[in-house]
N, C-alpha and C. Protein backbone atom coordinates (compact mmCIF):
# COMPACT_ATOMS: atom_id res chain seq x y z
N MET A 1 181.64 85.49 120.50
CA MET A 1 180.59 86.27 121.37
C MET A 1 179.35 86.37 120.70
N ASP A 2 178.38 86.17 121.38
CA ASP A 2 177.06 86.68 120.76
C ASP A 2 176.98 88.07 120.66
N LYS A 3 176.26 88.59 119.27
CA LYS A 3 175.83 90.17 119.00
C LYS A 3 174.89 89.98 119.80
N VAL A 4 174.29 91.63 120.02
CA VAL A 4 172.78 91.63 120.49
C VAL A 4 172.41 93.02 119.63
N LEU A 5 170.94 92.13 119.58
CA LEU A 5 170.05 93.62 118.47
C LEU A 5 169.37 94.79 119.81
N VAL A 6 170.10 95.48 119.54
CA VAL A 6 169.58 96.83 120.83
C VAL A 6 168.92 97.69 119.97
N SER A 7 167.53 97.96 121.04
CA SER A 7 166.77 99.44 120.11
C SER A 7 167.60 100.47 120.31
N SER A 8 167.69 101.01 118.83
CA SER A 8 168.44 102.31 118.99
C SER A 8 168.09 103.22 120.01
N CYS A 9 167.34 103.81 120.33
CA CYS A 9 166.30 104.77 121.39
C CYS A 9 166.98 104.56 122.71
N LEU A 10 167.38 102.92 122.86
CA LEU A 10 168.52 102.97 124.13
C LEU A 10 169.89 103.13 124.54
N LEU A 11 170.38 103.30 122.94
CA LEU A 11 171.46 103.84 122.69
C LEU A 11 171.91 105.13 122.66
N GLY A 12 170.78 106.07 122.82
CA GLY A 12 171.04 107.30 122.76
C GLY A 12 170.72 108.34 121.17
N GLN A 13 170.09 106.86 120.63
CA GLN A 13 169.42 107.79 119.32
C GLN A 13 168.16 108.26 119.65
N PRO A 14 167.98 109.47 118.46
CA PRO A 14 166.45 110.10 118.76
C PRO A 14 166.04 109.93 117.65
N VAL A 15 165.10 108.84 118.31
CA VAL A 15 164.51 107.48 116.80
C VAL A 15 163.23 107.40 117.00
N ARG A 16 162.76 107.89 118.78
CA ARG A 16 161.83 107.83 119.02
C ARG A 16 160.53 108.90 118.04
N TYR A 17 159.22 107.90 118.82
CA TYR A 17 158.10 108.45 117.93
C TYR A 17 158.25 110.39 118.21
N ASP A 18 158.61 110.73 119.37
CA ASP A 18 158.88 111.97 119.67
C ASP A 18 160.03 112.51 119.09
N GLY A 19 160.52 112.40 118.62
CA GLY A 19 162.29 112.51 118.38
C GLY A 19 162.91 112.34 119.59
N LYS A 20 162.67 111.86 120.66
CA LYS A 20 163.81 111.73 121.46
C LYS A 20 164.50 110.28 121.99
N THR A 21 165.13 110.07 122.88
CA THR A 21 166.09 109.11 123.46
C THR A 21 165.56 108.46 124.63
N GLN A 22 165.56 106.89 125.07
CA GLN A 22 165.59 106.17 125.93
C GLN A 22 166.78 105.75 126.71
N THR A 23 167.58 106.80 126.41
CA THR A 23 168.75 106.30 126.76
C THR A 23 169.09 105.60 127.69
N LEU A 24 170.09 104.08 127.91
CA LEU A 24 169.95 103.40 129.09
C LEU A 24 171.28 103.03 129.83
N ARG A 25 171.44 103.77 130.68
CA ARG A 25 173.20 103.78 130.75
C ARG A 25 173.13 102.82 131.50
N HIS A 26 173.90 101.72 131.59
CA HIS A 26 174.02 100.46 132.58
C HIS A 26 175.42 99.81 132.04
N PRO A 27 175.80 99.20 133.50
CA PRO A 27 177.31 98.43 132.77
C PRO A 27 177.20 97.69 131.87
N LEU A 28 176.23 96.81 131.68
CA LEU A 28 176.10 95.41 130.40
C LEU A 28 176.46 96.30 129.18
N ILE A 29 175.58 97.43 128.95
CA ILE A 29 175.42 98.03 127.59
C ILE A 29 176.24 98.37 127.64
N SER A 30 177.26 99.57 128.59
CA SER A 30 178.69 99.93 128.10
C SER A 30 180.09 98.29 127.76
N GLN A 31 179.67 97.91 128.95
CA GLN A 31 180.77 96.24 128.28
C GLN A 31 180.18 95.89 126.59
N LEU A 32 178.88 95.97 126.35
CA LEU A 32 178.83 94.94 124.72
C LEU A 32 178.81 96.66 124.15
N ILE A 33 178.76 97.21 124.17
CA ILE A 33 179.60 98.45 123.22
C ILE A 33 180.98 98.10 122.70
N ALA A 34 181.62 98.55 124.52
CA ALA A 34 182.89 98.00 123.93
C ALA A 34 183.55 96.85 123.66
N GLN A 35 182.94 95.53 123.38
CA GLN A 35 183.07 94.65 122.95
C GLN A 35 182.84 94.35 121.75
N GLN A 36 182.29 95.71 120.98
CA GLN A 36 182.19 95.26 119.45
C GLN A 36 180.64 94.09 119.16
N ARG A 37 179.73 94.21 120.21
CA ARG A 37 178.67 93.30 120.35
C ARG A 37 177.12 93.77 120.23
N VAL A 38 177.25 95.02 119.99
CA VAL A 38 175.73 95.61 119.88
C VAL A 38 175.77 96.20 118.19
N VAL A 39 174.25 95.55 117.91
CA VAL A 39 173.51 95.97 116.36
C VAL A 39 172.52 97.00 116.68
N SER A 40 172.43 98.21 116.59
CA SER A 40 172.06 99.17 116.94
C SER A 40 170.43 99.08 115.53
N PHE A 41 169.31 99.01 116.20
CA PHE A 41 168.78 98.92 115.18
C PHE A 41 166.79 99.97 115.54
N CYS A 42 166.26 100.71 114.83
CA CYS A 42 164.93 100.80 115.17
C CYS A 42 163.97 100.51 114.44
N PRO A 43 162.85 99.42 114.40
CA PRO A 43 162.12 98.83 113.38
C PRO A 43 161.20 100.16 112.82
N GLU A 44 161.02 100.97 113.74
CA GLU A 44 160.05 101.88 112.78
C GLU A 44 160.31 102.73 111.82
N VAL A 45 162.14 103.35 112.39
CA VAL A 45 162.54 104.33 111.12
C VAL A 45 162.96 103.43 110.03
N ALA A 46 163.33 102.06 110.44
CA ALA A 46 163.91 101.25 108.96
C ALA A 46 162.41 100.91 108.36
N GLY A 47 161.35 100.70 108.81
CA GLY A 47 160.42 100.48 108.12
C GLY A 47 159.59 101.62 107.45
N GLY A 48 160.45 103.10 107.44
CA GLY A 48 160.10 103.87 106.53
C GLY A 48 159.66 104.90 107.40
N LEU A 49 158.88 105.14 109.07
CA LEU A 49 158.30 105.80 109.68
C LEU A 49 159.68 107.07 110.00
N PRO A 50 158.83 108.27 109.84
CA PRO A 50 159.44 109.52 109.95
C PRO A 50 159.80 110.23 111.57
N ILE A 51 160.63 110.89 111.78
CA ILE A 51 161.19 111.37 113.43
C ILE A 51 160.96 112.55 113.07
N PRO A 52 160.30 113.28 113.86
CA PRO A 52 159.54 112.54 114.72
C PRO A 52 157.99 111.97 113.94
N ARG A 53 157.03 111.45 114.58
CA ARG A 53 155.77 110.89 113.96
C ARG A 53 155.08 110.94 115.15
N GLU A 54 153.54 110.45 115.17
CA GLU A 54 152.28 110.62 115.58
C GLU A 54 152.91 109.00 115.97
N PRO A 55 152.45 109.46 117.71
CA PRO A 55 152.72 108.05 118.35
C PRO A 55 151.12 106.55 117.75
N ALA A 56 151.79 105.88 118.09
CA ALA A 56 151.05 104.65 117.61
C ALA A 56 150.92 103.69 118.55
N GLU A 57 149.53 102.60 118.66
CA GLU A 57 149.12 101.97 119.57
C GLU A 57 148.50 100.59 118.25
N ILE A 58 148.83 99.51 119.10
CA ILE A 58 148.27 97.91 118.77
C ILE A 58 146.72 98.17 118.79
N VAL A 59 146.05 98.22 117.67
CA VAL A 59 144.68 97.93 117.77
C VAL A 59 143.98 96.87 117.26
N GLU A 60 143.48 95.84 117.92
CA GLU A 60 143.47 94.41 117.33
C GLU A 60 144.39 94.08 116.64
N SER A 61 144.30 93.64 115.41
CA SER A 61 145.40 93.21 114.25
C SER A 61 146.26 94.26 113.53
N ARG A 62 145.88 95.88 113.84
CA ARG A 62 146.45 96.47 112.98
C ARG A 62 147.47 97.70 114.18
N ILE A 63 148.31 98.64 113.44
CA ILE A 63 148.94 99.35 114.11
C ILE A 63 148.31 100.86 113.75
N VAL A 64 147.98 101.45 114.43
CA VAL A 64 146.66 102.57 114.11
C VAL A 64 148.08 103.88 114.63
N THR A 65 147.94 105.00 114.73
CA THR A 65 148.42 106.22 115.11
C THR A 65 147.40 106.97 116.15
N ASN A 66 147.60 107.82 117.03
CA ASN A 66 146.17 108.56 117.85
C ASN A 66 145.07 109.37 116.90
N ASN A 67 145.84 109.66 115.52
CA ASN A 67 145.18 110.45 114.48
C ASN A 67 144.44 109.41 113.36
N GLY A 68 144.28 107.76 113.94
CA GLY A 68 143.81 107.25 112.84
C GLY A 68 144.35 106.73 111.80
N VAL A 69 145.60 107.03 111.57
CA VAL A 69 145.67 106.48 110.31
C VAL A 69 146.93 105.33 110.45
N ASP A 70 146.55 103.99 110.04
CA ASP A 70 147.26 102.86 109.56
C ASP A 70 148.63 102.65 109.55
N VAL A 71 149.33 102.05 110.26
CA VAL A 71 150.66 102.44 110.10
C VAL A 71 151.40 100.93 109.99
N SER A 72 150.48 100.09 110.07
CA SER A 72 150.95 98.85 110.14
C SER A 72 151.37 98.24 109.40
N ALA A 73 151.66 98.42 107.75
CA ALA A 73 152.42 98.36 106.63
C ALA A 73 154.16 98.62 107.36
N GLU A 74 154.24 99.58 107.63
CA GLU A 74 155.63 99.95 108.14
C GLU A 74 156.32 99.79 109.32
N PHE A 75 155.49 99.02 110.09
CA PHE A 75 155.72 98.52 111.35
C PHE A 75 156.03 96.83 110.85
N ALA A 76 155.06 96.45 110.47
CA ALA A 76 155.45 95.19 109.68
C ALA A 76 156.59 94.86 108.99
N ARG A 77 156.99 95.76 107.84
CA ARG A 77 158.25 95.91 107.53
C ARG A 77 159.71 95.97 108.33
N GLY A 78 159.51 97.08 109.20
CA GLY A 78 160.37 96.90 110.08
C GLY A 78 161.08 95.84 110.61
N ALA A 79 159.37 95.02 111.54
CA ALA A 79 159.74 93.54 112.13
C ALA A 79 160.31 92.71 111.01
N LYS A 80 160.13 92.62 109.95
CA LYS A 80 160.71 91.60 108.73
C LYS A 80 162.10 92.01 109.19
N LEU A 81 162.60 93.49 108.26
CA LEU A 81 163.91 93.90 108.54
C LEU A 81 164.94 93.45 109.73
N ALA A 82 164.15 94.12 110.90
CA ALA A 82 165.10 93.17 112.00
C ALA A 82 165.13 91.96 112.07
N LEU A 83 164.03 90.71 111.89
CA LEU A 83 164.69 89.78 111.70
C LEU A 83 165.59 89.26 110.79
N ALA A 84 165.62 89.78 109.55
CA ALA A 84 166.95 89.88 108.94
C ALA A 84 167.85 90.21 109.04
N GLN A 85 168.16 91.97 109.52
CA GLN A 85 169.55 91.91 110.60
C GLN A 85 170.22 90.46 111.45
N CYS A 86 169.19 90.23 112.13
CA CYS A 86 169.51 88.82 112.89
C CYS A 86 170.10 87.70 112.57
N GLN A 87 169.12 87.70 111.50
CA GLN A 87 169.86 86.28 110.52
C GLN A 87 170.93 86.52 109.70
N ALA A 88 171.00 87.58 109.33
CA ALA A 88 172.40 88.34 108.90
C ALA A 88 173.50 88.03 109.88
N ASN A 89 173.78 88.10 110.92
CA ASN A 89 174.20 88.38 111.73
C ASN A 89 174.57 87.32 112.74
N ASN A 90 173.90 86.37 112.74
CA ASN A 90 173.53 85.19 113.50
C ASN A 90 173.36 85.81 115.16
N ILE A 91 172.23 86.59 114.95
CA ILE A 91 172.01 87.15 116.55
C ILE A 91 170.90 86.32 117.11
N ARG A 92 170.80 86.16 118.01
CA ARG A 92 170.60 85.16 118.79
C ARG A 92 169.55 86.18 120.12
N PHE A 93 170.11 87.37 120.30
CA PHE A 93 169.27 87.76 121.54
C PHE A 93 168.83 89.24 120.94
N ALA A 94 168.21 90.13 121.78
CA ALA A 94 167.90 91.27 121.56
C ALA A 94 167.47 91.84 122.79
N LEU A 95 167.90 93.19 123.18
CA LEU A 95 166.99 94.16 124.17
C LEU A 95 166.63 95.42 123.71
N LEU A 96 164.86 95.03 123.78
CA LEU A 96 164.29 96.21 122.96
C LEU A 96 163.37 96.79 124.26
N LYS A 97 163.16 98.36 123.72
CA LYS A 97 162.26 99.06 124.58
C LYS A 97 160.79 98.35 124.91
N GLU A 98 160.74 98.11 125.96
CA GLU A 98 159.70 98.09 126.99
C GLU A 98 158.52 98.67 125.92
N SER A 99 157.25 98.60 125.99
CA SER A 99 155.79 99.04 126.26
C SER A 99 155.86 99.92 124.79
N SER A 100 156.51 99.68 123.37
CA SER A 100 156.66 100.10 122.11
C SER A 100 156.03 98.90 121.26
N PRO A 101 155.46 99.52 120.51
CA PRO A 101 154.20 98.56 119.53
C PRO A 101 155.27 97.88 118.64
N SER A 102 156.29 98.41 118.55
CA SER A 102 157.17 97.37 117.82
C SER A 102 158.10 96.34 118.81
N CYS A 103 158.14 97.15 120.10
CA CYS A 103 159.41 97.05 120.36
C CYS A 103 159.35 95.83 122.31
N GLY A 104 158.28 96.28 122.75
CA GLY A 104 157.53 95.82 123.89
C GLY A 104 157.31 94.52 124.07
N ARG A 105 158.28 94.14 125.15
CA ARG A 105 158.41 92.21 125.20
C ARG A 105 157.63 91.83 126.08
N ASN A 106 157.17 92.82 127.25
CA ASN A 106 155.89 92.34 128.37
C ASN A 106 155.05 92.88 127.84
N THR A 107 154.64 94.38 127.89
CA THR A 107 153.91 95.67 127.64
C THR A 107 154.07 95.84 126.87
N ILE A 108 152.36 96.63 126.36
CA ILE A 108 152.20 97.46 125.32
C ILE A 108 151.23 98.50 125.40
N TYR A 109 150.88 99.36 124.82
CA TYR A 109 149.56 100.43 125.66
C TYR A 109 148.97 99.70 124.99
N ASP A 110 147.66 99.74 125.39
CA ASP A 110 146.10 98.96 125.14
C ASP A 110 145.44 99.60 123.79
N GLY A 111 145.67 100.34 123.11
CA GLY A 111 145.31 100.78 122.02
C GLY A 111 144.39 101.90 121.82
N THR A 112 143.97 102.24 123.15
CA THR A 112 143.04 103.39 123.31
C THR A 112 143.65 104.83 123.29
N HIS A 113 145.47 104.82 123.50
CA HIS A 113 146.24 106.17 123.02
C HIS A 113 145.48 107.18 124.51
N SER A 114 145.31 106.12 125.81
CA SER A 114 145.13 106.76 127.27
C SER A 114 146.26 106.79 128.00
N GLY A 115 147.46 106.22 127.26
CA GLY A 115 148.44 105.84 128.46
C GLY A 115 148.45 104.51 129.29
N ARG A 116 147.49 103.42 129.01
CA ARG A 116 147.32 102.81 129.74
C ARG A 116 148.41 101.20 129.45
N LYS A 117 149.00 100.31 129.96
CA LYS A 117 149.43 99.38 129.49
C LYS A 117 149.00 98.31 129.73
N VAL A 118 148.93 97.15 128.62
CA VAL A 118 148.05 95.59 129.13
C VAL A 118 149.81 94.93 128.96
N THR A 119 149.13 93.43 129.58
CA THR A 119 150.45 92.62 128.65
C THR A 119 150.49 92.15 127.37
N GLY A 120 151.24 91.77 126.69
CA GLY A 120 151.62 92.07 125.43
C GLY A 120 152.67 92.15 124.78
N MET A 121 153.05 91.86 123.43
CA MET A 121 154.42 91.84 122.30
C MET A 121 154.46 92.89 121.37
N GLY A 122 155.31 93.45 121.38
CA GLY A 122 155.20 94.60 120.02
C GLY A 122 155.37 93.32 118.68
N TRP A 123 154.89 94.02 117.68
CA TRP A 123 155.54 92.87 116.47
C TRP A 123 156.53 92.76 116.41
N THR A 124 157.51 93.85 116.51
CA THR A 124 159.27 92.94 115.91
C THR A 124 159.63 92.02 116.92
N ALA A 125 159.45 92.65 118.35
CA ALA A 125 159.29 91.01 119.53
C ALA A 125 158.89 90.36 119.47
N GLN A 126 157.71 90.02 119.04
CA GLN A 126 156.99 88.67 118.69
C GLN A 126 157.28 87.82 117.63
N LEU A 127 157.83 88.64 116.33
CA LEU A 127 158.14 88.00 115.11
C LEU A 127 159.72 87.47 115.61
N LEU A 128 160.92 88.47 116.46
CA LEU A 128 161.96 87.69 116.47
C LEU A 128 161.73 86.35 117.53
N GLU A 129 160.89 86.39 118.49
CA GLU A 129 160.62 85.34 119.32
C GLU A 129 160.30 84.01 118.48
N GLN A 130 159.10 84.55 117.77
CA GLN A 130 158.57 83.18 116.95
C GLN A 130 159.88 82.60 115.98
N ASN A 131 160.75 83.59 115.52
CA ASN A 131 161.91 82.77 114.86
C ASN A 131 162.94 82.61 116.14
N GLY A 132 162.98 82.02 116.70
CA GLY A 132 163.95 81.46 117.90
C GLY A 132 165.11 82.65 118.50
N ILE A 133 164.60 84.44 118.53
CA ILE A 133 165.81 85.27 119.04
C ILE A 133 165.09 85.51 120.40
N ARG A 134 166.06 85.91 121.40
CA ARG A 134 165.31 85.75 122.52
C ARG A 134 165.21 87.49 122.78
N VAL A 135 163.92 87.70 123.48
CA VAL A 135 163.78 89.25 123.41
C VAL A 135 164.00 89.63 124.64
N PHE A 136 164.50 90.64 125.39
CA PHE A 136 164.77 90.85 126.63
C PHE A 136 164.45 92.46 126.43
N SER A 137 163.76 92.82 127.40
CA SER A 137 163.41 94.51 127.48
C SER A 137 164.49 94.89 128.48
N GLU A 138 164.52 96.64 128.65
CA GLU A 138 165.65 97.13 129.61
C GLU A 138 165.35 96.75 130.92
N GLU A 139 164.02 96.15 131.04
CA GLU A 139 163.47 95.65 132.58
C GLU A 139 164.14 94.44 133.24
N GLN A 140 165.00 93.61 131.88
CA GLN A 140 165.50 92.01 131.84
C GLN A 140 167.01 92.40 132.15
N LEU A 141 167.53 93.65 132.47
CA LEU A 141 169.13 93.30 132.25
C LEU A 141 170.04 92.03 132.91
N PRO A 142 169.35 91.95 134.29
CA PRO A 142 170.31 90.77 134.59
C PRO A 142 170.05 89.38 133.99
N VAL A 143 168.71 89.53 133.78
CA VAL A 143 168.42 87.95 133.00
C VAL A 143 169.11 88.27 131.31
N LEU A 144 169.55 88.77 131.06
CA LEU A 144 170.22 89.49 130.07
C LEU A 144 171.72 88.59 129.55
N ASN A 145 172.04 89.18 131.09
CA ASN A 145 173.82 89.45 131.60
C ASN A 145 173.77 88.03 131.78
N LYS A 146 172.85 87.19 132.45
CA LYS A 146 172.99 85.66 132.58
C LYS A 146 173.17 85.01 131.95
N VAL A 147 171.97 85.62 131.27
CA VAL A 147 172.04 84.55 129.57
C VAL A 147 173.60 84.59 128.80
N LEU A 148 174.00 85.79 128.68
CA LEU A 148 175.22 86.07 128.02
C LEU A 148 176.49 85.23 128.22
N GLY A 149 176.35 85.27 129.57
CA GLY A 149 177.31 84.58 130.53
C GLY A 149 178.85 85.48 130.54
């Protein structure tokens, strides 16, 4: 059975920038956990960022906090570590937090720190997809469920 890389915040771990969770309560998640098919991962924490931390958004080719600090290196490191985790565990699917500058699958914030979302992918989601790992957001659980069979 395929394992799935899952954003730690969706699993109830307080790793978001604000120190909170985005716990996803869904039968598919419960089933994957019961089957020991979940690999929990937070690329931002793995990349070296603290909890809590300043919110960050993608601005052109960098990731910058709302106070103007460039955290691109930490985000890039986290994305590479996520890919390494997938490769080490033969993971072909990931369930990541929508709109995150790391994990966003279909949307990200527009880079102005104004709360506006635009179509785009976070750095981790993009790197995983570029390497053949199918990425889904929490808004795509029915599709992930179908793919997992």
